[in-house]
């Protein structure tokens, strides 16, 4: 025959645990309600934990980021993965944390005589405004690809390159050109200009490249800029996982249109991936596919992202 006293004690212990952990009663309030002492309530709560009726799980946002980084490095052959924690998985919040994390990483790694090439967009703007400035000698900063938009949406191309130059105490080199032109011969003509060629060559010589991945949605700056005809738009939206430096690729990292690629001004993605540090700064749910394609295409060897995106990349 079961011990009724034992059952009563267990029932009371569970009730006390529920009031304390689920209903936010204080130990003194529980003591008053049951007509017992506060130390007795404390002993009940301790016993409930020891016997497994109460299990406390703490979600530490900083926990396992090192493990996630190591797994990403191993899976995708990266030189370095930097994982930061975000309190909410929302694009605006992720971008702000991306900016801080990438700026800190650059401040830590940039050294004398480095050539830093950077692209444009709101993510890179967050990086640029968070750069603290570092006293280095003979650092050069150069724009990586064309960034003049025909839409009203700001690419922040000039501001970003200017702020990078200011942070590393150097006069930056700009590419005051559109990202994509109407014909590959137009691109060849533009790139044959000695001033433009000199800037593009500096971008190719850069040992550090900092860039993000774009998403082929309707609010994309490239799509709003009216660079594409209807068949091209359809191809981008159906096959494009993302773009880097205005060059579109699929989930496997393959360029989706050679004709479109030939019309794009700036560095090629194969060259980008061969740099000493090819730093992709990207995160958020909308960019997972683009980041994955960039990793599969080997266009990056340093990834800076958030913990949620890192987990999605590892699960793919």
C-alpha atoms as a PDB file:
ATOM      1  CA  UNK A   1       0.000   0.000   0.000  1.00  0.00           C
ATOM      2  CA  UNK A   2       1.537   3.346  -1.014  1.00  0.00           C
ATOM      3  CA  UNK A   3       2.649   5.747   1.669  1.00  0.00           C
ATOM      4  CA  UNK A   4       0.040   8.547   1.628  1.00  0.00           C
ATOM      5  CA  UNK A   5       2.378  10.828   3.605  1.00  0.00           C
ATOM      6  CA  UNK A   6       5.065  10.337   0.957  1.00  0.00           C
ATOM      7  CA  UNK A   7       2.598  11.139  -1.836  1.00  0.00           C
ATOM      8  CA  UNK A   8       1.420  14.257  -0.015  1.00  0.00           C
ATOM      9  CA  UNK A   9       5.006  15.399   0.454  1.00  0.00           C
ATOM     10  CA  UNK A  10       5.791  14.854  -3.254  1.00  0.00           C
ATOM     11  CA  UNK A  11       2.606  16.654  -4.284  1.00  0.00           C
ATOM     12  CA  UNK A  12       3.476  19.609  -2.047  1.00  0.00           C
ATOM     13  CA  UNK A  13       7.059  19.686  -3.385  1.00  0.00           C
ATOM     14  CA  UNK A  14       5.785  19.806  -6.990  1.00  0.00           C
ATOM     15  CA  UNK A  15       3.270  22.543  -6.121  1.00  0.00           C
ATOM     16  CA  UNK A  16       5.993  24.612  -4.467  1.00  0.00           C
ATOM     17  CA  UNK A  17       8.306  24.130  -7.461  1.00  0.00           C
ATOM     18  CA  UNK A  18       5.586  25.215  -9.918  1.00  0.00           C
ATOM     19  CA  UNK A  19       4.771  28.309  -7.849  1.00  0.00           C
ATOM     20  CA  UNK A  20       8.446  29.281  -7.603  1.00  0.00           C
ATOM     21  CA  UNK A  21       9.676  28.517 -11.138  1.00  0.00           C
ATOM     22  CA  UNK A  22       6.526  28.975 -13.240  1.00  0.00           C
ATOM     23  CA  UNK A  23       4.397  31.492 -11.341  1.00  0.00           C
ATOM     24  CA  UNK A  24       7.247  33.630  -9.922  1.00  0.00           C
ATOM     25  CA  UNK A  25       6.146  33.463  -6.268  1.00  0.00           C
ATOM     26  CA  UNK A  26       8.910  34.328  -3.807  1.00  0.00           C
ATOM     27  CA  UNK A  27      10.040  31.722  -1.271  1.00  0.00           C
ATOM     28  CA  UNK A  28       8.537  33.813   1.546  1.00  0.00           C
ATOM     29  CA  UNK A  29       5.167  34.075  -0.245  1.00  0.00           C
ATOM     30  CA  UNK A  30       5.118  30.284  -0.687  1.00  0.00           C
ATOM     31  CA  UNK A  31       6.040  29.790   2.985  1.00  0.00           C
ATOM     32  CA  UNK A  32       3.156  32.030   4.060  1.00  0.00           C
ATOM     33  CA  UNK A  33       0.697  30.205   1.786  1.00  0.00           C
ATOM     34  CA  UNK A  34       1.611  26.745   3.096  1.00  0.00           C
ATOM     35  CA  UNK A  35       2.189  27.783   6.717  1.00  0.00           C
ATOM     36  CA  UNK A  36       5.816  26.572   6.721  1.00  0.00           C
ATOM     37  CA  UNK A  37       9.192  28.298   7.156  1.00  0.00           C
ATOM     38  CA  UNK A  38      11.133  29.821   4.267  1.00  0.00           C
ATOM     39  CA  UNK A  39      14.121  27.435   4.848  1.00  0.00           C
ATOM     40  CA  UNK A  40      11.664  24.517   4.483  1.00  0.00           C
ATOM     41  CA  UNK A  41      10.564  25.944   1.084  1.00  0.00           C
ATOM     42  CA  UNK A  42      14.234  26.220   0.070  1.00  0.00           C
ATOM     43  CA  UNK A  43      14.818  22.560   1.053  1.00  0.00           C
ATOM     44  CA  UNK A  44      11.784  21.466  -1.021  1.00  0.00           C
ATOM     45  CA  UNK A  45      13.140  23.330  -4.068  1.00  0.00           C
ATOM     46  CA  UNK A  46      16.596  21.828  -3.620  1.00  0.00           C
ATOM     47  CA  UNK A  47      15.122  18.329  -3.300  1.00  0.00           C
ATOM     48  CA  UNK A  48      13.000  18.852  -6.415  1.00  0.00           C
ATOM     49  CA  UNK A  49      16.176  19.636  -8.383  1.00  0.00           C
ATOM     50  CA  UNK A  50      18.157  16.745  -6.906  1.00  0.00           C
ATOM     51  CA  UNK A  51      15.403  14.223  -7.676  1.00  0.00           C
ATOM     52  CA  UNK A  52      14.988  15.466 -11.243  1.00  0.00           C
ATOM     53  CA  UNK A  53      11.512  16.987 -10.956  1.00  0.00           C
ATOM     54  CA  UNK A  54      12.988  20.386 -11.773  1.00  0.00           C
ATOM     55  CA  UNK A  55      15.496  20.702 -14.621  1.00  0.00           C
ATOM     56  CA  UNK A  56      17.025  24.113 -15.236  1.00  0.00           C
ATOM     57  CA  UNK A  57      18.286  24.911 -18.731  1.00  0.00           C
ATOM     58  CA  UNK A  58      20.304  28.066 -19.288  1.00  0.00           C
ATOM     59  CA  UNK A  59      20.631  29.295 -22.886  1.00  0.00           C
ATOM     60  CA  UNK A  60      23.957  31.079 -22.901  1.00  0.00           C
ATOM     61  CA  UNK A  61      24.240  33.091 -26.159  1.00  0.00           C
ATOM     62  CA  UNK A  62      28.047  32.869 -25.962  1.00  0.00           C
ATOM     63  CA  UNK A  63      28.142  29.126 -25.427  1.00  0.00           C
ATOM     64  CA  UNK A  64      29.541  26.908 -28.202  1.00  0.00           C
ATOM     65  CA  UNK A  65      30.439  29.747 -30.591  1.00  0.00           C
ATOM     66  CA  UNK A  66      34.001  28.441 -30.602  1.00  0.00           C
ATOM     67  CA  UNK A  67      32.723  24.951 -31.420  1.00  0.00           C
ATOM     68  CA  UNK A  68      30.486  26.285 -34.202  1.00  0.00           C
ATOM     69  CA  UNK A  69      33.422  28.222 -35.664  1.00  0.00           C
ATOM     70  CA  UNK A  70      35.652  25.126 -35.648  1.00  0.00           C
ATOM     71  CA  UNK A  71      32.926  23.045 -37.325  1.00  0.00           C
ATOM     72  CA  UNK A  72      32.436  25.657 -40.065  1.00  0.00           C
ATOM     73  CA  UNK A  73      36.181  25.896 -40.646  1.00  0.00           C
ATOM     74  CA  UNK A  74      36.398  22.121 -40.985  1.00  0.00           C
ATOM     75  CA  UNK A  75      33.288  21.684 -43.169  1.00  0.00           C
ATOM     76  CA  UNK A  76      34.060  24.473 -45.645  1.00  0.00           C
ATOM     77  CA  UNK A  77      37.875  24.604 -45.477  1.00  0.00           C
ATOM     78  CA  UNK A  78      37.973  28.122 -44.032  1.00  0.00           C
ATOM     79  CA  UNK A  79      41.059  29.777 -42.580  1.00  0.00           C
ATOM     80  CA  UNK A  80      38.898  31.413 -39.929  1.00  0.00           C
ATOM     81  CA  UNK A  81      35.254  31.617 -38.853  1.00  0.00           C
ATOM     82  CA  UNK A  82      34.155  34.317 -36.425  1.00  0.00           C
ATOM     83  CA  UNK A  83      30.782  33.616 -34.794  1.00  0.00           C
ATOM     84  CA  UNK A  84      28.972  36.222 -32.708  1.00  0.00           C
ATOM     85  CA  UNK A  85      25.720  35.947 -30.764  1.00  0.00           C
ATOM     86  CA  UNK A  86      22.613  37.971 -31.544  1.00  0.00           C
ATOM     87  CA  UNK A  87      19.768  38.456 -29.047  1.00  0.00           C
ATOM     88  CA  UNK A  88      17.164  38.342 -31.857  1.00  0.00           C
ATOM     89  CA  UNK A  89      17.400  36.783 -35.305  1.00  0.00           C
ATOM     90  CA  UNK A  90      16.172  39.857 -37.180  1.00  0.00           C
ATOM     91  CA  UNK A  91      17.978  41.350 -40.174  1.00  0.00           C
ATOM     92  CA  UNK A  92      18.446  44.854 -38.745  1.00  0.00           C
ATOM     93  CA  UNK A  93      19.821  43.499 -35.456  1.00  0.00           C
ATOM     94  CA  UNK A  94      22.066  40.960 -37.201  1.00  0.00           C
ATOM     95  CA  UNK A  95      23.532  43.709 -39.421  1.00  0.00           C
ATOM     96  CA  UNK A  96      24.404  45.892 -36.453  1.00  0.00           C
ATOM     97  CA  UNK A  97      26.199  43.007 -34.705  1.00  0.00           C
ATOM     98  CA  UNK A  98      27.901  42.077 -38.005  1.00  0.00           C
ATOM     99  CA  UNK A  99      29.257  45.609 -38.261  1.00  0.00           C
ATOM    100  CA  UNK A 100      30.734  45.514 -34.764  1.00  0.00           C
ATOM    101  CA  UNK A 101      32.206  42.001 -35.126  1.00  0.00           C
ATOM    102  CA  UNK A 102      33.787  42.661 -38.533  1.00  0.00           C
ATOM    103  CA  UNK A 103      35.184  46.045 -37.456  1.00  0.00           C
ATOM    104  CA  UNK A 104      36.746  44.405 -34.390  1.00  0.00           C
ATOM    105  CA  UNK A 105      38.214  41.639 -36.553  1.00  0.00           C
ATOM    106  CA  UNK A 106      39.794  44.154 -38.955  1.00  0.00           C
ATOM    107  CA  UNK A 107      41.177  46.206 -36.096  1.00  0.00           C
ATOM    108  CA  UNK A 108      42.769  43.037 -34.756  1.00  0.00           C
ATOM    109  CA  UNK A 109      44.224  41.742 -38.033  1.00  0.00           C
ATOM    110  CA  UNK A 110      45.131  44.687 -40.325  1.00  0.00           C
ATOM    111  CA  UNK A 111      48.871  45.392 -40.296  1.00  0.00           C
ATOM    112  CA  UNK A 112      51.400  47.672 -41.966  1.00  0.00           C
ATOM    113  CA  UNK A 113      51.531  47.562 -45.796  1.00  0.00           C
ATOM    114  CA  UNK A 114      48.182  45.760 -46.178  1.00  0.00           C
ATOM    115  CA  UNK A 115      45.963  46.599 -49.141  1.00  0.00           C
ATOM    116  CA  UNK A 116      42.291  46.460 -48.158  1.00  0.00           C
ATOM    117  CA  UNK A 117      39.652  46.168 -50.876  1.00  0.00           C
ATOM    118  CA  UNK A 118      35.999  46.609 -49.992  1.00  0.00           C
ATOM    119  CA  UNK A 119      32.626  46.502 -51.689  1.00  0.00           C
ATOM    120  CA  UNK A 120      29.364  48.316 -50.894  1.00  0.00           C
ATOM    121  CA  UNK A 121      25.923  47.861 -49.336  1.00  0.00           C
ATOM    122  CA  UNK A 122      24.221  48.363 -45.972  1.00  0.00           C
ATOM    123  CA  UNK A 123      26.140  45.541 -44.258  1.00  0.00           C
ATOM    124  CA  UNK A 124      29.512  47.012 -45.244  1.00  0.00           C
ATOM    125  CA  UNK A 125      28.281  50.440 -44.173  1.00  0.00           C
ATOM    126  CA  UNK A 126      27.690  49.019 -40.677  1.00  0.00           C
ATOM    127  CA  UNK A 127      31.266  47.714 -40.712  1.00  0.00           C
ATOM    128  CA  UNK A 128      32.611  51.083 -41.875  1.00  0.00           C
ATOM    129  CA  UNK A 129      30.844  53.177 -39.214  1.00  0.00           C
ATOM    130  CA  UNK A 130      32.110  50.834 -36.483  1.00  0.00           C
ATOM    131  CA  UNK A 131      35.798  50.989 -37.454  1.00  0.00           C
ATOM    132  CA  UNK A 132      37.667  52.546 -34.536  1.00  0.00           C
ATOM    133  CA  UNK A 133      40.779  53.547 -36.441  1.00  0.00           C
ATOM    134  CA  UNK A 134      44.204  51.983 -36.229  1.00  0.00           C
ATOM    135  CA  UNK A 135      47.651  53.516 -36.567  1.00  0.00           C
ATOM    136  CA  UNK A 136      49.256  51.514 -39.356  1.00  0.00           C
ATOM    137  CA  UNK A 137      51.898  52.419 -41.928  1.00  0.00           C
ATOM    138  CA  UNK A 138      51.409  52.389 -45.669  1.00  0.00           C
ATOM    139  CA  UNK A 139      47.958  50.758 -45.688  1.00  0.00           C
ATOM    140  CA  UNK A 140      45.982  51.253 -48.902  1.00  0.00           C
ATOM    141  CA  UNK A 141      42.177  51.140 -49.290  1.00  0.00           C
ATOM    142  CA  UNK A 142      40.480  50.521 -52.627  1.00  0.00           C
ATOM    143  CA  UNK A 143      36.934  49.980 -53.898  1.00  0.00           C
ATOM    144  CA  UNK A 144      36.488  46.444 -55.194  1.00  0.00           C
ATOM    145  CA  UNK A 145      33.719  46.897 -57.783  1.00  0.00           C
ATOM    146  CA  UNK A 146      31.482  49.487 -59.406  1.00  0.00           C
ATOM    147  CA  UNK A 147      28.837  50.877 -57.101  1.00  0.00           C
ATOM    148  CA  UNK A 148      27.004  53.710 -58.837  1.00  0.00           C
ATOM    149  CA  UNK A 149      23.269  52.969 -58.768  1.00  0.00           C
ATOM    150  CA  UNK A 150      20.639  54.321 -61.171  1.00  0.00           C
ATOM    151  CA  UNK A 151      17.951  53.879 -58.487  1.00  0.00           C
ATOM    152  CA  UNK A 152      17.211  56.122 -55.537  1.00  0.00           C
ATOM    153  CA  UNK A 153      18.553  53.464 -53.153  1.00  0.00           C
ATOM    154  CA  UNK A 154      21.922  54.446 -51.695  1.00  0.00           C
ATOM    155  CA  UNK A 155      24.687  51.869 -52.163  1.00  0.00           C
ATOM    156  CA  UNK A 156      26.908  53.704 -49.610  1.00  0.00           C
ATOM    157  CA  UNK A 157      29.847  52.924 -51.926  1.00  0.00           C
ATOM    158  CA  UNK A 158      31.569  56.307 -51.536  1.00  0.00           C
ATOM    159  CA  UNK A 159      30.863  56.557 -47.783  1.00  0.00           C
ATOM    160  CA  UNK A 160      32.214  53.074 -47.064  1.00  0.00           C
ATOM    161  CA  UNK A 161      35.497  53.519 -48.925  1.00  0.00           C
ATOM    162  CA  UNK A 162      35.923  56.980 -47.402  1.00  0.00           C
ATOM    163  CA  UNK A 163      35.367  55.658 -43.842  1.00  0.00           C
ATOM    164  CA  UNK A 164      37.760  52.737 -44.410  1.00  0.00           C
ATOM    165  CA  UNK A 165      40.393  55.197 -45.615  1.00  0.00           C
ATOM    166  CA  UNK A 166      39.810  57.444 -42.606  1.00  0.00           C
ATOM    167  CA  UNK A 167      40.094  54.498 -40.163  1.00  0.00           C
ATOM    168  CA  UNK A 168      43.457  53.396 -41.587  1.00  0.00           C
ATOM    169  CA  UNK A 169      44.769  56.918 -42.243  1.00  0.00           C
ATOM    170  CA  UNK A 170      45.066  56.698 -45.995  1.00  0.00           C
ATOM    171  CA  UNK A 171      43.571  58.329 -49.092  1.00  0.00           C
ATOM    172  CA  UNK A 172      41.256  55.704 -50.616  1.00  0.00           C
ATOM    173  CA  UNK A 173      40.902  54.768 -54.272  1.00  0.00           C
ATOM    174  CA  UNK A 174      37.372  54.883 -55.755  1.00  0.00           C
ATOM    175  CA  UNK A 175      35.680  53.271 -58.767  1.00  0.00           C
ATOM    176  CA  UNK A 176      33.047  55.879 -59.745  1.00  0.00           C
ATOM    177  CA  UNK A 177      31.291  53.514 -62.142  1.00  0.00           C
ATOM    178  CA  UNK A 178      28.116  51.393 -62.345  1.00  0.00           C
ATOM    179  CA  UNK A 179      28.306  47.787 -61.180  1.00  0.00           C
ATOM    180  CA  UNK A 180      27.088  46.393 -64.512  1.00  0.00           C
ATOM    181  CA  UNK A 181      27.075  47.851 -68.041  1.00  0.00           C
ATOM    182  CA  UNK A 182      24.952  46.987 -71.094  1.00  0.00           C
ATOM    183  CA  UNK A 183      27.595  45.107 -73.100  1.00  0.00           C
ATOM    184  CA  UNK A 184      30.881  43.356 -72.388  1.00  0.00           C
ATOM    185  CA  UNK A 185      32.620  45.584 -74.966  1.00  0.00           C
ATOM    186  CA  UNK A 186      31.560  48.639 -72.940  1.00  0.00           C
ATOM    187  CA  UNK A 187      33.169  47.051 -69.887  1.00  0.00           C
ATOM    188  CA  UNK A 188      36.365  46.311 -71.809  1.00  0.00           C
ATOM    189  CA  UNK A 189      36.536  49.887 -73.067  1.00  0.00           C
ATOM    190  CA  UNK A 190      35.993  51.335 -69.584  1.00  0.00           C
ATOM    191  CA  UNK A 191      38.562  49.021 -68.022  1.00  0.00           C
ATOM    192  CA  UNK A 192      41.146  49.933 -70.654  1.00  0.00           C
ATOM    193  CA  UNK A 193      41.239  53.516 -69.336  1.00  0.00           C
ATOM    194  CA  UNK A 194      44.596  53.827 -67.561  1.00  0.00           C
ATOM    195  CA  UNK A 195      43.165  55.481 -64.426  1.00  0.00           C
ATOM    196  CA  UNK A 196      40.402  52.901 -64.041  1.00  0.00           C
ATOM    197  CA  UNK A 197      42.829  50.078 -64.837  1.00  0.00           C
ATOM    198  CA  UNK A 198      45.219  51.300 -62.141  1.00  0.00           C
ATOM    199  CA  UNK A 199      42.463  51.188 -59.492  1.00  0.00           C
ATOM    200  CA  UNK A 200      41.242  47.763 -60.630  1.00  0.00           C
ATOM    201  CA  UNK A 201      44.806  46.432 -60.527  1.00  0.00           C
ATOM    202  CA  UNK A 202      45.168  47.705 -56.958  1.00  0.00           C
ATOM    203  CA  UNK A 203      42.002  45.754 -56.062  1.00  0.00           C
ATOM    204  CA  UNK A 204      43.503  42.616 -57.592  1.00  0.00           C
ATOM    205  CA  UNK A 205      46.722  43.123 -55.602  1.00  0.00           C
ATOM    206  CA  UNK A 206      44.843  43.622 -52.321  1.00  0.00           C
ATOM    207  CA  UNK A 207      45.689  40.946 -49.763  1.00  0.00           C
ATOM    208  CA  UNK A 208      42.510  41.659 -47.747  1.00  0.00           C
ATOM    209  CA  UNK A 209      39.037  41.824 -49.305  1.00  0.00           C
ATOM    210  CA  UNK A 210      35.945  42.659 -47.238  1.00  0.00           C
ATOM    211  CA  UNK A 211      32.556  42.000 -48.813  1.00  0.00           C
ATOM    212  CA  UNK A 212      29.040  40.744 -48.204  1.00  0.00           C
ATOM    213  CA  UNK A 213      26.535  38.694 -50.195  1.00  0.00           C
ATOM    214  CA  UNK A 214      23.469  40.202 -51.843  1.00  0.00           C
ATOM    215  CA  UNK A 215      20.068  38.527 -52.091  1.00  0.00           C
ATOM    216  CA  UNK A 216      18.064  38.452 -55.376  1.00  0.00           C
ATOM    217  CA  UNK A 217      14.843  39.898 -53.956  1.00  0.00           C
ATOM    218  CA  UNK A 218      12.724  42.799 -55.198  1.00  0.00           C
ATOM    219  CA  UNK A 219      14.334  45.224 -52.749  1.00  0.00           C
ATOM    220  CA  UNK A 220      17.843  44.391 -54.010  1.00  0.00           C
ATOM    221  CA  UNK A 221      19.773  47.521 -55.018  1.00  0.00           C
ATOM    222  CA  UNK A 222      21.001  45.781 -58.196  1.00  0.00           C
ATOM    223  CA  UNK A 223      17.489  44.779 -59.230  1.00  0.00           C
ATOM    224  CA  UNK A 224      16.069  48.223 -58.406  1.00  0.00           C
ATOM    225  CA  UNK A 225      18.859  49.820 -60.454  1.00  0.00           C
ATOM    226  CA  UNK A 226      17.306  48.391 -63.635  1.00  0.00           C
ATOM    227  CA  UNK A 227      20.500  46.675 -64.804  1.00  0.00           C
ATOM    228  CA  UNK A 228      18.665  43.573 -66.087  1.00  0.00           C
ATOM    229  CA  UNK A 229      16.185  42.714 -68.808  1.00  0.00           C
ATOM    230  CA  UNK A 230      13.223  40.395 -68.144  1.00  0.00           C
ATOM    231  CA  UNK A 231      14.948  37.066 -69.080  1.00  0.00           C
ATOM    232  CA  UNK A 232      17.944  37.999 -66.903  1.00  0.00           C
ATOM    233  CA  UNK A 233      15.678  38.911 -63.985  1.00  0.00           C
ATOM    234  CA  UNK A 234      13.866  35.592 -64.308  1.00  0.00           C
ATOM    235  CA  UNK A 235      17.167  33.690 -64.346  1.00  0.00           C
ATOM    236  CA  UNK A 236      18.470  35.581 -61.300  1.00  0.00           C
ATOM    237  CA  UNK A 237      15.287  35.011 -59.306  1.00  0.00           C
ATOM    238  CA  UNK A 238      14.996  31.331 -60.249  1.00  0.00           C
ATOM    239  CA  UNK A 239      18.653  30.254 -60.046  1.00  0.00           C
ATOM    240  CA  UNK A 240      20.552  32.897 -58.084  1.00  0.00           C
ATOM    241  CA  UNK A 241      21.418  32.081 -54.489  1.00  0.00           C
ATOM    242  CA  UNK A 242      23.159  35.434 -54.121  1.00  0.00           C
ATOM    243  CA  UNK A 243      25.727  37.809 -55.529  1.00  0.00           C
ATOM    244  CA  UNK A 244      29.178  38.959 -54.478  1.00  0.00           C
ATOM    245  CA  UNK A 245      30.595  42.063 -56.128  1.00  0.00           C
ATOM    246  CA  UNK A 246      27.479  42.048 -58.380  1.00  0.00           C
ATOM    247  CA  UNK A 247      28.294  38.587 -59.773  1.00  0.00           C
ATOM    248  CA  UNK A 248      25.431  36.105 -59.359  1.00  0.00           C
ATOM    249  CA  UNK A 249      25.941  32.437 -58.488  1.00  0.00           C
ATOM    250  CA  UNK A 250      23.764  29.453 -57.572  1.00  0.00           C
ATOM    251  CA  UNK A 251      23.672  27.247 -54.446  1.00  0.00           C
ATOM    252  CA  UNK A 252      26.727  25.341 -55.650  1.00  0.00           C
ATOM    253  CA  UNK A 253      28.674  28.568 -56.188  1.00  0.00           C
ATOM    254  CA  UNK A 254      28.547  28.418 -59.990  1.00  0.00           C
ATOM    255  CA  UNK A 255      28.116  31.652 -61.976  1.00  0.00           C
ATOM    256  CA  UNK A 256      24.567  31.584 -63.379  1.00  0.00           C
ATOM    257  CA  UNK A 257      25.245  33.653 -66.536  1.00  0.00           C
ATOM    258  CA  UNK A 258      28.608  34.124 -68.214  1.00  0.00           C
ATOM    259  CA  UNK A 259      27.162  36.863 -70.432  1.00  0.00           C
ATOM    260  CA  UNK A 260      26.040  38.839 -67.376  1.00  0.00           C
ATOM    261  CA  UNK A 261      29.347  38.126 -65.649  1.00  0.00           C
ATOM    262  CA  UNK A 262      31.215  39.589 -68.642  1.00  0.00           C
ATOM    263  CA  UNK A 263      29.288  42.864 -68.262  1.00  0.00           C
ATOM    264  CA  UNK A 264      30.215  43.302 -64.589  1.00  0.00           C
ATOM    265  CA  UNK A 265      32.912  45.788 -63.594  1.00  0.00           C
ATOM    266  CA  UNK A 266      35.350  44.727 -60.870  1.00  0.00           C
ATOM    267  CA  UNK A 267      37.151  41.714 -59.526  1.00  0.00           C
ATOM    268  CA  UNK A 268      36.255  38.158 -60.555  1.00  0.00           C
ATOM    269  CA  UNK A 269      35.101  35.741 -57.867  1.00  0.00           C
ATOM    270  CA  UNK A 270      37.904  33.230 -58.495  1.00  0.00           C
ATOM    271  CA  UNK A 271      40.475  35.972 -57.867  1.00  0.00           C
ATOM    272  CA  UNK A 272      38.561  37.026 -54.766  1.00  0.00           C
ATOM    273  CA  UNK A 273      38.815  33.599 -53.169  1.00  0.00           C
ATOM    274  CA  UNK A 274      42.585  33.443 -53.649  1.00  0.00           C
ATOM    275  CA  UNK A 275      43.396  36.405 -51.429  1.00  0.00           C
ATOM    276  CA  UNK A 276      45.274  36.076 -48.149  1.00  0.00           C
ATOM    277  CA  UNK A 277      42.085  37.097 -46.376  1.00  0.00           C
ATOM    278  CA  UNK A 278      38.850  36.964 -48.341  1.00  0.00           C
ATOM    279  CA  UNK A 279      36.395  38.105 -45.644  1.00  0.00           C
ATOM    280  CA  UNK A 280      32.687  37.461 -46.118  1.00  0.00           C
ATOM    281  CA  UNK A 281      30.569  39.464 -43.658  1.00  0.00           C
ATOM    282  CA  UNK A 282      26.985  38.182 -43.772  1.00  0.00           C
ATOM    283  CA  UNK A 283      24.196  36.771 -41.635  1.00  0.00           C
ATOM    284  CA  UNK A 284      20.442  36.548 -41.211  1.00  0.00           C
ATOM    285  CA  UNK A 285      17.887  34.074 -42.547  1.00  0.00           C
ATOM    286  CA  UNK A 286      17.574  35.719 -45.990  1.00  0.00           C
ATOM    287  CA  UNK A 287      21.287  35.318 -46.677  1.00  0.00           C
ATOM    288  CA  UNK A 288      21.823  31.674 -45.699  1.00  0.00           C
ATOM    289  CA  UNK A 289      21.514  30.411 -49.300  1.00  0.00           C
ATOM    290  CA  UNK A 290      23.875  33.089 -50.622  1.00  0.00           C
ATOM    291  CA  UNK A 291      26.462  32.412 -47.914  1.00  0.00           C
ATOM    292  CA  UNK A 292      26.236  28.688 -48.590  1.00  0.00           C
ATOM    293  CA  UNK A 293      26.792  29.242 -52.335  1.00  0.00           C
ATOM    294  CA  UNK A 294      29.780  31.491 -51.604  1.00  0.00           C
ATOM    295  CA  UNK A 295      31.282  28.814 -49.341  1.00  0.00           C
ATOM    296  CA  UNK A 296      30.708  26.066 -51.924  1.00  0.00           C
ATOM    297  CA  UNK A 297      32.283  28.241 -54.615  1.00  0.00           C
ATOM    298  CA  UNK A 298      35.348  28.873 -52.394  1.00  0.00           C
ATOM    299  CA  UNK A 299      34.962  32.638 -52.818  1.00  0.00           C
ATOM    300  CA  UNK A 300      35.762  33.265 -49.166  1.00  0.00           C
ATOM    301  CA  UNK A 301      38.263  31.956 -46.641  1.00  0.00           C
ATOM    302  CA  UNK A 302      37.154  34.028 -43.619  1.00  0.00           C
ATOM    303  CA  UNK A 303      33.488  34.056 -42.589  1.00  0.00           C
ATOM    304  CA  UNK A 304      32.014  36.476 -40.056  1.00  0.00           C
ATOM    305  CA  UNK A 305      28.424  35.547 -39.157  1.00  0.00           C
ATOM    306  CA  UNK A 306      25.933  35.014 -36.321  1.00  0.00           C
ATOM    307  CA  UNK A 307      25.305  31.830 -34.344  1.00  0.00           C
ATOM    308  CA  UNK A 308      21.882  31.096 -35.922  1.00  0.00           C
ATOM    309  CA  UNK A 309      23.198  31.374 -39.486  1.00  0.00           C
ATOM    310  CA  UNK A 310      26.201  29.230 -38.509  1.00  0.00           C
ATOM    311  CA  UNK A 311      23.874  26.442 -37.318  1.00  0.00           C
ATOM    312  CA  UNK A 312      21.815  26.595 -40.528  1.00  0.00           C
ATOM    313  CA  UNK A 313      24.998  26.366 -42.627  1.00  0.00           C
ATOM    314  CA  UNK A 314      26.160  23.313 -40.697  1.00  0.00           C
ATOM    315  CA  UNK A 315      22.785  21.596 -41.108  1.00  0.00           C
ATOM    316  CA  UNK A 316      22.570  22.069 -44.902  1.00  0.00           C
END
